[in-house]
């Protein structure tokens, strides 16, 4: 499925206040204000993702008013990551790239070769992890190793 083929106005939608009516299915959700896509996410169970006030964007969207949730159900839950990323890249929603609350994390989007992504996914699956946490672990290890190598080089250069 190509993101440019998604007609947001043709998707089922409901007001944020009616989120308990979302289907109990895997899919992609779009937070909309009028026809502007302000946020895109994925869920294994759309209704549970928004069932209470626990979604990390709920308070922010509730104060905005006029926010609707549209959704696209996916029969194959394994497609959620790829479809979500394609939709974010295509629609470029403003809240997908903003920091929430304490500012301790940043959304970083970059492209990697398909074969590397496949290998990372296999490693993550073997460890019962999702690819993103696995990638973060690898990045942390690589940064730590680089910092150690730099410290060793600097120590070797001291008289």
C-alpha atoms as a PDB file:
ATOM      1  CA  UNK A   1       0.000   0.000   0.000  1.00  0.00           C
ATOM      2  CA  UNK A   2       1.303   3.404  -0.991  1.00  0.00           C
ATOM      3  CA  UNK A   3       0.676   6.342   1.345  1.00  0.00           C
ATOM      4  CA  UNK A   4      -0.216   8.614  -1.563  1.00  0.00           C
ATOM      5  CA  UNK A   5      -3.151   6.318  -2.349  1.00  0.00           C
ATOM      6  CA  UNK A   6      -4.789   6.866   1.047  1.00  0.00           C
ATOM      7  CA  UNK A   7      -7.821   9.139   0.856  1.00  0.00           C
ATOM      8  CA  UNK A   8      -8.124  10.458   4.405  1.00  0.00           C
ATOM      9  CA  UNK A   9     -11.645  11.751   3.818  1.00  0.00           C
ATOM     10  CA  UNK A  10     -12.784   8.280   2.758  1.00  0.00           C
ATOM     11  CA  UNK A  11     -11.441   6.594   5.911  1.00  0.00           C
ATOM     12  CA  UNK A  12     -13.773   5.944   8.833  1.00  0.00           C
ATOM     13  CA  UNK A  13     -13.304   8.545  11.560  1.00  0.00           C
ATOM     14  CA  UNK A  14     -14.747   9.773  14.817  1.00  0.00           C
ATOM     15  CA  UNK A  15     -14.286  12.602  17.271  1.00  0.00           C
ATOM     16  CA  UNK A  16     -11.513  12.170  19.832  1.00  0.00           C
ATOM     17  CA  UNK A  17     -14.193  12.122  22.537  1.00  0.00           C
ATOM     18  CA  UNK A  18     -15.699   9.012  20.875  1.00  0.00           C
ATOM     19  CA  UNK A  19     -12.406   7.075  20.810  1.00  0.00           C
ATOM     20  CA  UNK A  20     -13.924   4.138  22.715  1.00  0.00           C
ATOM     21  CA  UNK A  21     -15.765   3.323  19.483  1.00  0.00           C
ATOM     22  CA  UNK A  22     -12.555   2.575  17.582  1.00  0.00           C
ATOM     23  CA  UNK A  23     -12.355  -0.963  16.188  1.00  0.00           C
ATOM     24  CA  UNK A  24     -10.530  -3.641  18.121  1.00  0.00           C
ATOM     25  CA  UNK A  25      -8.137  -4.298  15.248  1.00  0.00           C
ATOM     26  CA  UNK A  26      -4.584  -3.625  14.154  1.00  0.00           C
ATOM     27  CA  UNK A  27      -4.049  -0.552  12.078  1.00  0.00           C
ATOM     28  CA  UNK A  28      -2.803   2.948  11.506  1.00  0.00           C
ATOM     29  CA  UNK A  29      -4.536   5.952  13.042  1.00  0.00           C
ATOM     30  CA  UNK A  30      -4.477   9.541  11.867  1.00  0.00           C
ATOM     31  CA  UNK A  31      -5.204  12.450  14.217  1.00  0.00           C
ATOM     32  CA  UNK A  32      -6.842  15.132  12.093  1.00  0.00           C
ATOM     33  CA  UNK A  33      -7.844  18.738  12.569  1.00  0.00           C
ATOM     34  CA  UNK A  34     -10.153  19.502   9.672  1.00  0.00           C
ATOM     35  CA  UNK A  35      -8.205  17.933   6.800  1.00  0.00           C
ATOM     36  CA  UNK A  36      -4.731  18.444   8.318  1.00  0.00           C
ATOM     37  CA  UNK A  37      -2.942  15.330   9.552  1.00  0.00           C
ATOM     38  CA  UNK A  38      -1.335  16.313  12.851  1.00  0.00           C
ATOM     39  CA  UNK A  39      -0.222  12.871  14.081  1.00  0.00           C
ATOM     40  CA  UNK A  40       0.071   9.309  12.778  1.00  0.00           C
ATOM     41  CA  UNK A  41       0.516   6.200  14.871  1.00  0.00           C
ATOM     42  CA  UNK A  42       0.062   2.465  14.791  1.00  0.00           C
ATOM     43  CA  UNK A  43      -1.541   0.027  17.163  1.00  0.00           C
ATOM     44  CA  UNK A  44      -2.054  -3.696  17.468  1.00  0.00           C
ATOM     45  CA  UNK A  45      -5.464  -2.847  18.885  1.00  0.00           C
ATOM     46  CA  UNK A  46      -6.703   0.612  17.954  1.00  0.00           C
ATOM     47  CA  UNK A  47      -9.396   0.728  20.648  1.00  0.00           C
ATOM     48  CA  UNK A  48      -6.997  -0.243  23.425  1.00  0.00           C
ATOM     49  CA  UNK A  49      -4.414   2.298  22.258  1.00  0.00           C
ATOM     50  CA  UNK A  50      -6.938   5.096  22.800  1.00  0.00           C
ATOM     51  CA  UNK A  51      -9.258   3.436  25.373  1.00  0.00           C
ATOM     52  CA  UNK A  52      -8.450   5.747  28.239  1.00  0.00           C
ATOM     53  CA  UNK A  53      -6.472   8.919  28.693  1.00  0.00           C
ATOM     54  CA  UNK A  54      -3.147   7.060  28.603  1.00  0.00           C
ATOM     55  CA  UNK A  55      -2.127   7.825  25.006  1.00  0.00           C
ATOM     56  CA  UNK A  56       0.880  10.122  25.251  1.00  0.00           C
ATOM     57  CA  UNK A  57      -0.807  12.713  23.001  1.00  0.00           C
ATOM     58  CA  UNK A  58      -4.325  12.531  24.447  1.00  0.00           C
ATOM     59  CA  UNK A  59      -4.095  15.546  26.788  1.00  0.00           C
ATOM     60  CA  UNK A  60      -2.495  17.652  24.104  1.00  0.00           C
ATOM     61  CA  UNK A  61      -5.142  16.763  21.517  1.00  0.00           C
ATOM     62  CA  UNK A  62      -8.035  17.061  23.979  1.00  0.00           C
ATOM     63  CA  UNK A  63      -7.161  20.689  24.685  1.00  0.00           C
ATOM     64  CA  UNK A  64      -7.022  21.468  20.971  1.00  0.00           C
ATOM     65  CA  UNK A  65     -10.650  20.560  20.325  1.00  0.00           C
ATOM     66  CA  UNK A  66     -11.973  19.479  16.931  1.00  0.00           C
ATOM     67  CA  UNK A  67      -9.524  16.538  16.716  1.00  0.00           C
ATOM     68  CA  UNK A  68     -10.798  13.497  14.873  1.00  0.00           C
ATOM     69  CA  UNK A  69      -9.272  10.046  14.659  1.00  0.00           C
ATOM     70  CA  UNK A  70      -9.370   8.338  11.293  1.00  0.00           C
ATOM     71  CA  UNK A  71      -8.074   4.825  10.863  1.00  0.00           C
ATOM     72  CA  UNK A  72      -6.975   2.242   8.391  1.00  0.00           C
ATOM     73  CA  UNK A  73      -7.242  -1.331   9.617  1.00  0.00           C
ATOM     74  CA  UNK A  74      -4.629  -3.820   8.497  1.00  0.00           C
ATOM     75  CA  UNK A  75      -5.373  -7.517   8.386  1.00  0.00           C
ATOM     76  CA  UNK A  76      -1.684  -8.257   8.820  1.00  0.00           C
ATOM     77  CA  UNK A  77      -0.305  -6.647  11.976  1.00  0.00           C
ATOM     78  CA  UNK A  78       3.255  -7.072  10.687  1.00  0.00           C
ATOM     79  CA  UNK A  79       2.546  -4.369   8.085  1.00  0.00           C
ATOM     80  CA  UNK A  80       1.902  -1.699  10.724  1.00  0.00           C
ATOM     81  CA  UNK A  81       5.505  -0.483  11.062  1.00  0.00           C
ATOM     82  CA  UNK A  82       6.091  -0.098   7.334  1.00  0.00           C
ATOM     83  CA  UNK A  83       2.720   1.514   6.620  1.00  0.00           C
ATOM     84  CA  UNK A  84       3.078   3.891   9.567  1.00  0.00           C
ATOM     85  CA  UNK A  85       6.557   4.998   8.463  1.00  0.00           C
ATOM     86  CA  UNK A  86       5.406   5.465   4.858  1.00  0.00           C
ATOM     87  CA  UNK A  87       2.447   7.561   6.028  1.00  0.00           C
ATOM     88  CA  UNK A  88       4.604   9.700   8.310  1.00  0.00           C
ATOM     89  CA  UNK A  89       7.064  10.303   5.470  1.00  0.00           C
ATOM     90  CA  UNK A  90       4.272  11.199   3.050  1.00  0.00           C
ATOM     91  CA  UNK A  91       1.959  13.300   5.270  1.00  0.00           C
ATOM     92  CA  UNK A  92       4.707  14.783   7.502  1.00  0.00           C
ATOM     93  CA  UNK A  93       2.447  15.374  10.538  1.00  0.00           C
ATOM     94  CA  UNK A  94       3.778  18.082  12.819  1.00  0.00           C
ATOM     95  CA  UNK A  95       3.328  16.222  16.120  1.00  0.00           C
ATOM     96  CA  UNK A  96       5.278  13.159  14.997  1.00  0.00           C
ATOM     97  CA  UNK A  97       8.461  15.187  15.228  1.00  0.00           C
ATOM     98  CA  UNK A  98       7.910  17.012  18.510  1.00  0.00           C
ATOM     99  CA  UNK A  99       9.145  16.128  21.972  1.00  0.00           C
ATOM    100  CA  UNK A 100       6.698  15.423  24.771  1.00  0.00           C
ATOM    101  CA  UNK A 101       7.015  16.329  28.432  1.00  0.00           C
ATOM    102  CA  UNK A 102      10.538  15.857  29.745  1.00  0.00           C
ATOM    103  CA  UNK A 103      12.373  16.102  26.426  1.00  0.00           C
ATOM    104  CA  UNK A 104      14.463  13.016  27.164  1.00  0.00           C
ATOM    105  CA  UNK A 105      13.973  11.498  23.713  1.00  0.00           C
ATOM    106  CA  UNK A 106      14.014  12.725  20.141  1.00  0.00           C
ATOM    107  CA  UNK A 107      12.374  11.285  17.057  1.00  0.00           C
ATOM    108  CA  UNK A 108      15.055  10.660  14.475  1.00  0.00           C
ATOM    109  CA  UNK A 109      14.054   9.493  11.034  1.00  0.00           C
ATOM    110  CA  UNK A 110      16.621   8.126   8.633  1.00  0.00           C
ATOM    111  CA  UNK A 111      16.809   5.607   5.845  1.00  0.00           C
ATOM    112  CA  UNK A 112      18.810   2.397   6.042  1.00  0.00           C
ATOM    113  CA  UNK A 113      19.371  -0.196   3.337  1.00  0.00           C
ATOM    114  CA  UNK A 114      16.562  -2.756   3.125  1.00  0.00           C
ATOM    115  CA  UNK A 115      18.925  -5.679   3.721  1.00  0.00           C
ATOM    116  CA  UNK A 116      20.282  -4.076   6.905  1.00  0.00           C
ATOM    117  CA  UNK A 117      16.738  -3.444   8.151  1.00  0.00           C
ATOM    118  CA  UNK A 118      15.846  -7.079   7.441  1.00  0.00           C
ATOM    119  CA  UNK A 119      18.909  -8.294   9.359  1.00  0.00           C
ATOM    120  CA  UNK A 120      18.107  -6.001  12.317  1.00  0.00           C
ATOM    121  CA  UNK A 121      14.515  -7.236  12.340  1.00  0.00           C
ATOM    122  CA  UNK A 122      15.686 -10.872  12.410  1.00  0.00           C
ATOM    123  CA  UNK A 123      17.998 -10.127  15.341  1.00  0.00           C
ATOM    124  CA  UNK A 124      15.216  -8.279  17.167  1.00  0.00           C
ATOM    125  CA  UNK A 125      12.759 -11.144  16.592  1.00  0.00           C
ATOM    126  CA  UNK A 126      15.263 -13.685  17.935  1.00  0.00           C
ATOM    127  CA  UNK A 127      15.446 -11.623  21.127  1.00  0.00           C
ATOM    128  CA  UNK A 128      11.671 -11.075  21.294  1.00  0.00           C
ATOM    129  CA  UNK A 129      12.201  -7.360  20.806  1.00  0.00           C
ATOM    130  CA  UNK A 130      10.815  -4.869  18.353  1.00  0.00           C
ATOM    131  CA  UNK A 131      13.336  -3.473  15.852  1.00  0.00           C
ATOM    132  CA  UNK A 132      13.448   0.054  17.325  1.00  0.00           C
ATOM    133  CA  UNK A 133      14.638  -0.966  20.823  1.00  0.00           C
ATOM    134  CA  UNK A 134      17.131  -3.342  19.197  1.00  0.00           C
ATOM    135  CA  UNK A 135      18.483  -0.540  17.001  1.00  0.00           C
ATOM    136  CA  UNK A 136      18.749   1.742  20.046  1.00  0.00           C
ATOM    137  CA  UNK A 137      20.770  -0.946  21.866  1.00  0.00           C
ATOM    138  CA  UNK A 138      23.147  -1.213  18.898  1.00  0.00           C
ATOM    139  CA  UNK A 139      23.490   2.573  18.661  1.00  0.00           C
ATOM    140  CA  UNK A 140      24.210   2.857  22.387  1.00  0.00           C
ATOM    141  CA  UNK A 141      26.882   0.135  22.124  1.00  0.00           C
ATOM    142  CA  UNK A 142      28.462   1.778  19.061  1.00  0.00           C
ATOM    143  CA  UNK A 143      28.519   5.222  20.696  1.00  0.00           C
ATOM    144  CA  UNK A 144      30.000   3.783  23.918  1.00  0.00           C
ATOM    145  CA  UNK A 145      32.694   1.941  21.930  1.00  0.00           C
ATOM    146  CA  UNK A 146      33.526   5.103  19.982  1.00  0.00           C
ATOM    147  CA  UNK A 147      33.726   7.136  23.197  1.00  0.00           C
ATOM    148  CA  UNK A 148      36.076   4.547  24.729  1.00  0.00           C
ATOM    149  CA  UNK A 149      38.281   4.535  21.632  1.00  0.00           C
ATOM    150  CA  UNK A 150      38.442   8.326  21.660  1.00  0.00           C
ATOM    151  CA  UNK A 151      39.326   8.366  25.369  1.00  0.00           C
ATOM    152  CA  UNK A 152      42.068   5.780  24.750  1.00  0.00           C
ATOM    153  CA  UNK A 153      43.517   7.831  21.863  1.00  0.00           C
ATOM    154  CA  UNK A 154      43.479  10.979  23.976  1.00  0.00           C
ATOM    155  CA  UNK A 155      45.116   9.161  26.897  1.00  0.00           C
ATOM    156  CA  UNK A 156      47.834   7.802  24.577  1.00  0.00           C
ATOM    157  CA  UNK A 157      48.625  11.306  23.332  1.00  0.00           C
ATOM    158  CA  UNK A 158      49.163  12.712  26.836  1.00  0.00           C
ATOM    159  CA  UNK A 159      52.766  12.961  28.008  1.00  0.00           C
END
